[in-house]
């Protein structure tokens, strides 16, 4: 997980990362790392605020 966060910090939106924009939010995104989802906000170039790391949803 740390490797992907470093890539995000250093290179921003890289094709190596699975990033999607969150609907209904201006600068909020989701980074998928294996079974985890990292929710973050992009404020300025090179400034990323991570506000949640969530495990995969349990299947019903």
PDB file of N, CA and C in Angstrom:
ATOM      1  N   UNK A   1       0.831  -1.193   0.000  1.00  0.00           N
ATOM      2  CA  UNK A   1       0.000   0.000   0.000  1.00  0.00           C
ATOM      3  C   UNK A   1       0.873   1.254   0.000  1.00  0.00           C
ATOM      4  N   UNK A   2       1.965   1.215   0.722  1.00  0.00           N
ATOM      5  CA  UNK A   2       2.839   2.385   0.799  1.00  0.00           C
ATOM      6  C   UNK A   2       3.418   2.732  -0.573  1.00  0.00           C
ATOM      7  N   UNK A   3       3.753   1.720  -1.362  1.00  0.00           N
ATOM      8  CA  UNK A   3       4.312   1.949  -2.701  1.00  0.00           C
ATOM      9  C   UNK A   3       3.349   2.756  -3.566  1.00  0.00           C
ATOM     10  N   UNK A   4       2.064   2.392  -3.546  1.00  0.00           N
ATOM     11  CA  UNK A   4       1.062   3.088  -4.343  1.00  0.00           C
ATOM     12  C   UNK A   4       0.858   4.519  -3.865  1.00  0.00           C
ATOM     13  N   UNK A   5       0.886   4.728  -2.551  1.00  0.00           N
ATOM     14  CA  UNK A   5       0.732   6.085  -2.015  1.00  0.00           C
ATOM     15  C   UNK A   5       1.920   6.968  -2.392  1.00  0.00           C
ATOM     16  N   UNK A   6       3.104   6.392  -2.443  1.00  0.00           N
ATOM     17  CA  UNK A   6       4.286   7.155  -2.861  1.00  0.00           C
ATOM     18  C   UNK A   6       4.184   7.518  -4.345  1.00  0.00           C
ATOM     19  N   UNK A   7       3.704   6.579  -5.173  1.00  0.00           N
ATOM     20  CA  UNK A   7       3.499   6.880  -6.598  1.00  0.00           C
ATOM     21  C   UNK A   7       2.491   8.009  -6.748  1.00  0.00           C
ATOM     22  N   UNK A   8       1.401   7.943  -5.983  1.00  0.00           N
ATOM     23  CA  UNK A   8       0.378   8.991  -6.030  1.00  0.00           C
ATOM     24  C   UNK A   8       0.970  10.334  -5.628  1.00  0.00           C
ATOM     25  N   UNK A   9       1.762  10.345  -4.567  1.00  0.00           N
ATOM     26  CA  UNK A   9       2.378  11.587  -4.099  1.00  0.00           C
ATOM     27  C   UNK A   9       3.353  12.159  -5.122  1.00  0.00           C
ATOM     28  N   UNK A  10       4.188  11.297  -5.696  1.00  0.00           N
ATOM     29  CA  UNK A  10       5.254  11.762  -6.584  1.00  0.00           C
ATOM     30  C   UNK A  10       4.790  12.073  -8.004  1.00  0.00           C
ATOM     31  N   UNK A  11       3.834  11.287  -8.521  1.00  0.00           N
ATOM     32  CA  UNK A  11       3.455  11.411  -9.926  1.00  0.00           C
ATOM     33  C   UNK A  11       2.008  11.812 -10.150  1.00  0.00           C
ATOM     34  N   UNK A  12       1.218  11.879  -9.087  1.00  0.00           N
ATOM     35  CA  UNK A  12      -0.191  12.219  -9.252  1.00  0.00           C
ATOM     36  C   UNK A  12      -0.945  11.077  -9.901  1.00  0.00           C
ATOM     37  N   UNK A  13      -1.785  11.386 -10.856  1.00  0.00           N
ATOM     38  CA  UNK A  13      -2.608  10.380 -11.516  1.00  0.00           C
ATOM     39  C   UNK A  13      -1.765   9.595 -12.509  1.00  0.00           C
ATOM     40  N   UNK A  14      -1.312   8.446 -12.093  1.00  0.00           N
ATOM     41  CA  UNK A  14      -0.502   7.573 -12.934  1.00  0.00           C
ATOM     42  C   UNK A  14      -1.378   6.469 -13.507  1.00  0.00           C
ATOM     43  N   UNK A  15      -1.050   6.020 -14.707  1.00  0.00           N
ATOM     44  CA  UNK A  15      -1.809   4.919 -15.307  1.00  0.00           C
ATOM     45  C   UNK A  15      -1.575   3.609 -14.556  1.00  0.00           C
ATOM     46  N   UNK A  16      -0.575   3.575 -13.684  1.00  0.00           N
ATOM     47  CA  UNK A  16      -0.300   2.380 -12.880  1.00  0.00           C
ATOM     48  C   UNK A  16      -1.264   2.244 -11.709  1.00  0.00           C
ATOM     49  N   UNK A  17      -2.011   3.303 -11.411  1.00  0.00           N
ATOM     50  CA  UNK A  17      -2.908   3.303 -10.256  1.00  0.00           C
ATOM     51  C   UNK A  17      -4.361   3.204 -10.696  1.00  0.00           C
ATOM     52  N   UNK A  18      -5.175   2.548  -9.890  1.00  0.00           N
ATOM     53  CA  UNK A  18      -6.604   2.388 -10.161  1.00  0.00           C
ATOM     54  C   UNK A  18      -7.348   3.496  -9.410  1.00  0.00           C
ATOM     55  N   UNK A  19      -7.500   4.657 -10.060  1.00  0.00           N
ATOM     56  CA  UNK A  19      -8.115   5.832  -9.438  1.00  0.00           C
ATOM     57  C   UNK A  19      -9.417   6.162 -10.151  1.00  0.00           C
ATOM     58  N   UNK A  20     -10.450   6.463  -9.359  1.00  0.00           N
ATOM     59  CA  UNK A  20     -11.723   6.916  -9.919  1.00  0.00           C
ATOM     60  C   UNK A  20     -12.199   8.136  -9.138  1.00  0.00           C
ATOM     61  N   UNK A  21     -12.830   9.056  -9.841  1.00  0.00           N
ATOM     62  CA  UNK A  21     -13.412  10.241  -9.210  1.00  0.00           C
ATOM     63  C   UNK A  21     -14.688   9.834  -8.491  1.00  0.00           C
ATOM     64  N   UNK A  22     -14.916  10.388  -7.298  1.00  0.00           N
ATOM     65  CA  UNK A  22     -16.140  10.111  -6.554  1.00  0.00           C
ATOM     66  C   UNK A  22     -17.249  11.022  -7.059  1.00  0.00           C
ATOM     67  N   UNK A  23     -18.387  10.443  -7.353  1.00  0.00           N
ATOM     68  CA  UNK A  23     -19.525  11.212  -7.857  1.00  0.00           C
ATOM     69  C   UNK A  23     -20.039  12.154  -6.776  1.00  0.00           C
ATOM     70  N   UNK A  24     -20.409  13.359  -7.190  1.00  0.00           N
ATOM     71  CA  UNK A  24     -20.985  14.328  -6.268  1.00  0.00           C
ATOM     72  C   UNK A  24     -19.972  15.167  -5.509  1.00  0.00           C
ATOM     73  N   UNK A  25     -18.687  14.962  -5.764  1.00  0.00           N
ATOM     74  CA  UNK A  25     -17.640  15.720  -5.085  1.00  0.00           C
ATOM     75  C   UNK A  25     -16.723  16.347  -6.126  1.00  0.00           C
ATOM     76  N   UNK A  26     -16.185  17.501  -5.797  1.00  0.00           N
ATOM     77  CA  UNK A  26     -15.368  18.232  -6.760  1.00  0.00           C
ATOM     78  C   UNK A  26     -13.980  17.613  -6.942  1.00  0.00           C
ATOM     79  N   UNK A  27     -13.239  17.445  -5.879  1.00  0.00           N
ATOM     80  CA  UNK A  27     -11.856  16.976  -5.974  1.00  0.00           C
ATOM     81  C   UNK A  27     -11.593  15.736  -5.126  1.00  0.00           C
ATOM     82  N   UNK A  28     -12.577  14.869  -4.997  1.00  0.00           N
ATOM     83  CA  UNK A  28     -12.434  13.672  -4.172  1.00  0.00           C
ATOM     84  C   UNK A  28     -12.333  12.438  -5.067  1.00  0.00           C
ATOM     85  N   UNK A  29     -11.418  11.543  -4.692  1.00  0.00           N
ATOM     86  CA  UNK A  29     -11.124  10.380  -5.516  1.00  0.00           C
ATOM     87  C   UNK A  29     -10.984   9.135  -4.653  1.00  0.00           C
ATOM     88  N   UNK A  30     -11.027   7.979  -5.337  1.00  0.00           N
ATOM     89  CA  UNK A  30     -10.838   6.693  -4.694  1.00  0.00           C
ATOM     90  C   UNK A  30      -9.673   5.992  -5.375  1.00  0.00           C
ATOM     91  N   UNK A  31      -8.735   5.503  -4.582  1.00  0.00           N
ATOM     92  CA  UNK A  31      -7.609   4.718  -5.081  1.00  0.00           C
ATOM     93  C   UNK A  31      -7.799   3.295  -4.584  1.00  0.00           C
ATOM     94  N   UNK A  32      -7.855   2.342  -5.496  1.00  0.00           N
ATOM     95  CA  UNK A  32      -8.022   0.942  -5.115  1.00  0.00           C
ATOM     96  C   UNK A  32      -6.645   0.296  -5.035  1.00  0.00           C
ATOM     97  N   UNK A  33      -6.349  -0.280  -3.869  1.00  0.00           N
ATOM     98  CA  UNK A  33      -5.085  -0.978  -3.643  1.00  0.00           C
ATOM     99  C   UNK A  33      -5.431  -2.359  -3.096  1.00  0.00           C
ATOM    100  N   UNK A  34      -5.459  -3.339  -3.965  1.00  0.00           N
ATOM    101  CA  UNK A  34      -5.824  -4.692  -3.535  1.00  0.00           C
ATOM    102  C   UNK A  34      -7.232  -4.717  -2.982  1.00  0.00           C
ATOM    103  N   UNK A  35      -7.377  -5.140  -1.734  1.00  0.00           N
ATOM    104  CA  UNK A  35      -8.686  -5.223  -1.092  1.00  0.00           C
ATOM    105  C   UNK A  35      -9.075  -3.925  -0.385  1.00  0.00           C
ATOM    106  N   UNK A  36      -8.251  -2.906  -0.457  1.00  0.00           N
ATOM    107  CA  UNK A  36      -8.509  -1.660   0.258  1.00  0.00           C
ATOM    108  C   UNK A  36      -8.850  -0.528  -0.695  1.00  0.00           C
ATOM    109  N   UNK A  37      -9.567   0.464  -0.163  1.00  0.00           N
ATOM    110  CA  UNK A  37      -9.890   1.683  -0.892  1.00  0.00           C
ATOM    111  C   UNK A  37      -9.342   2.852  -0.082  1.00  0.00           C
ATOM    112  N   UNK A  38      -8.589   3.703  -0.740  1.00  0.00           N
ATOM    113  CA  UNK A  38      -8.053   4.904  -0.104  1.00  0.00           C
ATOM    114  C   UNK A  38      -8.833   6.079  -0.674  1.00  0.00           C
ATOM    115  N   UNK A  39      -9.529   6.809   0.188  1.00  0.00           N
ATOM    116  CA  UNK A  39     -10.281   7.987  -0.237  1.00  0.00           C
ATOM    117  C   UNK A  39      -9.407   9.206   0.010  1.00  0.00           C
ATOM    118  N   UNK A  40      -9.296  10.057  -1.015  1.00  0.00           N
ATOM    119  CA  UNK A  40      -8.424  11.216  -0.862  1.00  0.00           C
ATOM    120  C   UNK A  40      -8.980  12.406  -1.617  1.00  0.00           C
ATOM    121  N   UNK A  41      -8.468  13.567  -1.237  1.00  0.00           N
ATOM    122  CA  UNK A  41      -8.848  14.834  -1.865  1.00  0.00           C
ATOM    123  C   UNK A  41      -7.602  15.441  -2.486  1.00  0.00           C
ATOM    124  N   UNK A  42      -7.748  15.940  -3.694  1.00  0.00           N
ATOM    125  CA  UNK A  42      -6.652  16.601  -4.387  1.00  0.00           C
ATOM    126  C   UNK A  42      -6.882  18.100  -4.270  1.00  0.00           C
ATOM    127  N   UNK A  43      -6.033  18.783  -3.470  1.00  0.00           N
ATOM    128  CA  UNK A  43      -6.220  20.220  -3.257  1.00  0.00           C
ATOM    129  C   UNK A  43      -5.479  21.050  -4.287  1.00  0.00           C
ATOM    130  N   UNK A  44      -4.203  20.847  -4.382  1.00  0.00           N
ATOM    131  CA  UNK A  44      -3.352  21.581  -5.319  1.00  0.00           C
ATOM    132  C   UNK A  44      -2.454  20.548  -5.977  1.00  0.00           C
ATOM    133  N   UNK A  45      -1.799  20.915  -7.049  1.00  0.00           N
ATOM    134  CA  UNK A  45      -0.831  19.956  -7.592  1.00  0.00           C
ATOM    135  C   UNK A  45       0.163  19.540  -6.511  1.00  0.00           C
ATOM    136  N   UNK A  46       0.326  18.247  -6.370  1.00  0.00           N
ATOM    137  CA  UNK A  46       1.264  17.663  -5.394  1.00  0.00           C
ATOM    138  C   UNK A  46       0.772  17.736  -3.954  1.00  0.00           C
ATOM    139  N   UNK A  47      -0.473  18.155  -3.710  1.00  0.00           N
ATOM    140  CA  UNK A  47      -0.988  18.167  -2.340  1.00  0.00           C
ATOM    141  C   UNK A  47      -2.201  17.251  -2.271  1.00  0.00           C
ATOM    142  N   UNK A  48      -2.035  16.137  -1.585  1.00  0.00           N
ATOM    143  CA  UNK A  48      -3.074  15.125  -1.498  1.00  0.00           C
ATOM    144  C   UNK A  48      -3.394  14.892  -0.030  1.00  0.00           C
ATOM    145  N   UNK A  49      -4.675  14.917   0.299  1.00  0.00           N
ATOM    146  CA  UNK A  49      -5.118  14.685   1.669  1.00  0.00           C
ATOM    147  C   UNK A  49      -5.863  13.357   1.709  1.00  0.00           C
ATOM    148  N   UNK A  50      -5.294  12.370   2.394  1.00  0.00           N
ATOM    149  CA  UNK A  50      -5.953  11.072   2.565  1.00  0.00           C
ATOM    150  C   UNK A  50      -6.854  11.186   3.781  1.00  0.00           C
ATOM    151  N   UNK A  51      -8.147  10.869   3.615  1.00  0.00           N
ATOM    152  CA  UNK A  51      -9.056  10.978   4.748  1.00  0.00           C
ATOM    153  C   UNK A  51      -9.703   9.667   5.145  1.00  0.00           C
ATOM    154  N   UNK A  52      -9.463   8.586   4.434  1.00  0.00           N
ATOM    155  CA  UNK A  52      -9.992   7.286   4.858  1.00  0.00           C
ATOM    156  C   UNK A  52      -9.288   6.165   4.116  1.00  0.00           C
ATOM    157  N   UNK A  53      -9.037   5.074   4.833  1.00  0.00           N
ATOM    158  CA  UNK A  53      -8.570   3.830   4.232  1.00  0.00           C
ATOM    159  C   UNK A  53      -9.565   2.768   4.667  1.00  0.00           C
ATOM    160  N   UNK A  54     -10.289   2.214   3.692  1.00  0.00           N
ATOM    161  CA  UNK A  54     -11.387   1.304   3.987  1.00  0.00           C
ATOM    162  C   UNK A  54     -11.087  -0.098   3.485  1.00  0.00           C
ATOM    163  N   UNK A  55     -11.447  -1.127   4.282  1.00  0.00           N
ATOM    164  CA  UNK A  55     -11.311  -2.496   3.784  1.00  0.00           C
ATOM    165  C   UNK A  55     -12.414  -2.792   2.781  1.00  0.00           C
ATOM    166  N   UNK A  56     -12.261  -3.874   2.057  1.00  0.00           N
ATOM    167  CA  UNK A  56     -13.267  -4.292   1.084  1.00  0.00           C
ATOM    168  C   UNK A  56     -14.588  -4.568   1.791  1.00  0.00           C
ATOM    169  N   UNK A  57     -15.692  -4.264   1.114  1.00  0.00           N
ATOM    170  CA  UNK A  57     -17.008  -4.543   1.675  1.00  0.00           C
ATOM    171  C   UNK A  57     -17.181  -6.045   1.844  1.00  0.00           C
ATOM    172  N   UNK A  58     -17.809  -6.428   2.931  1.00  0.00           N
ATOM    173  CA  UNK A  58     -18.090  -7.850   3.158  1.00  0.00           C
ATOM    174  C   UNK A  58     -19.202  -8.296   2.225  1.00  0.00           C
ATOM    175  N   UNK A  59     -19.053  -9.469   1.645  1.00  0.00           N
ATOM    176  CA  UNK A  59     -20.106  -9.966   0.761  1.00  0.00           C
ATOM    177  C   UNK A  59     -21.256 -10.529   1.590  1.00  0.00           C
ATOM    178  N   UNK A  60     -22.456 -10.369   1.069  1.00  0.00           N
ATOM    179  CA  UNK A  60     -23.654 -10.801   1.806  1.00  0.00           C
ATOM    180  C   UNK A  60     -24.073 -12.173   1.326  1.00  0.00           C
TER     181      UNK A  60
END
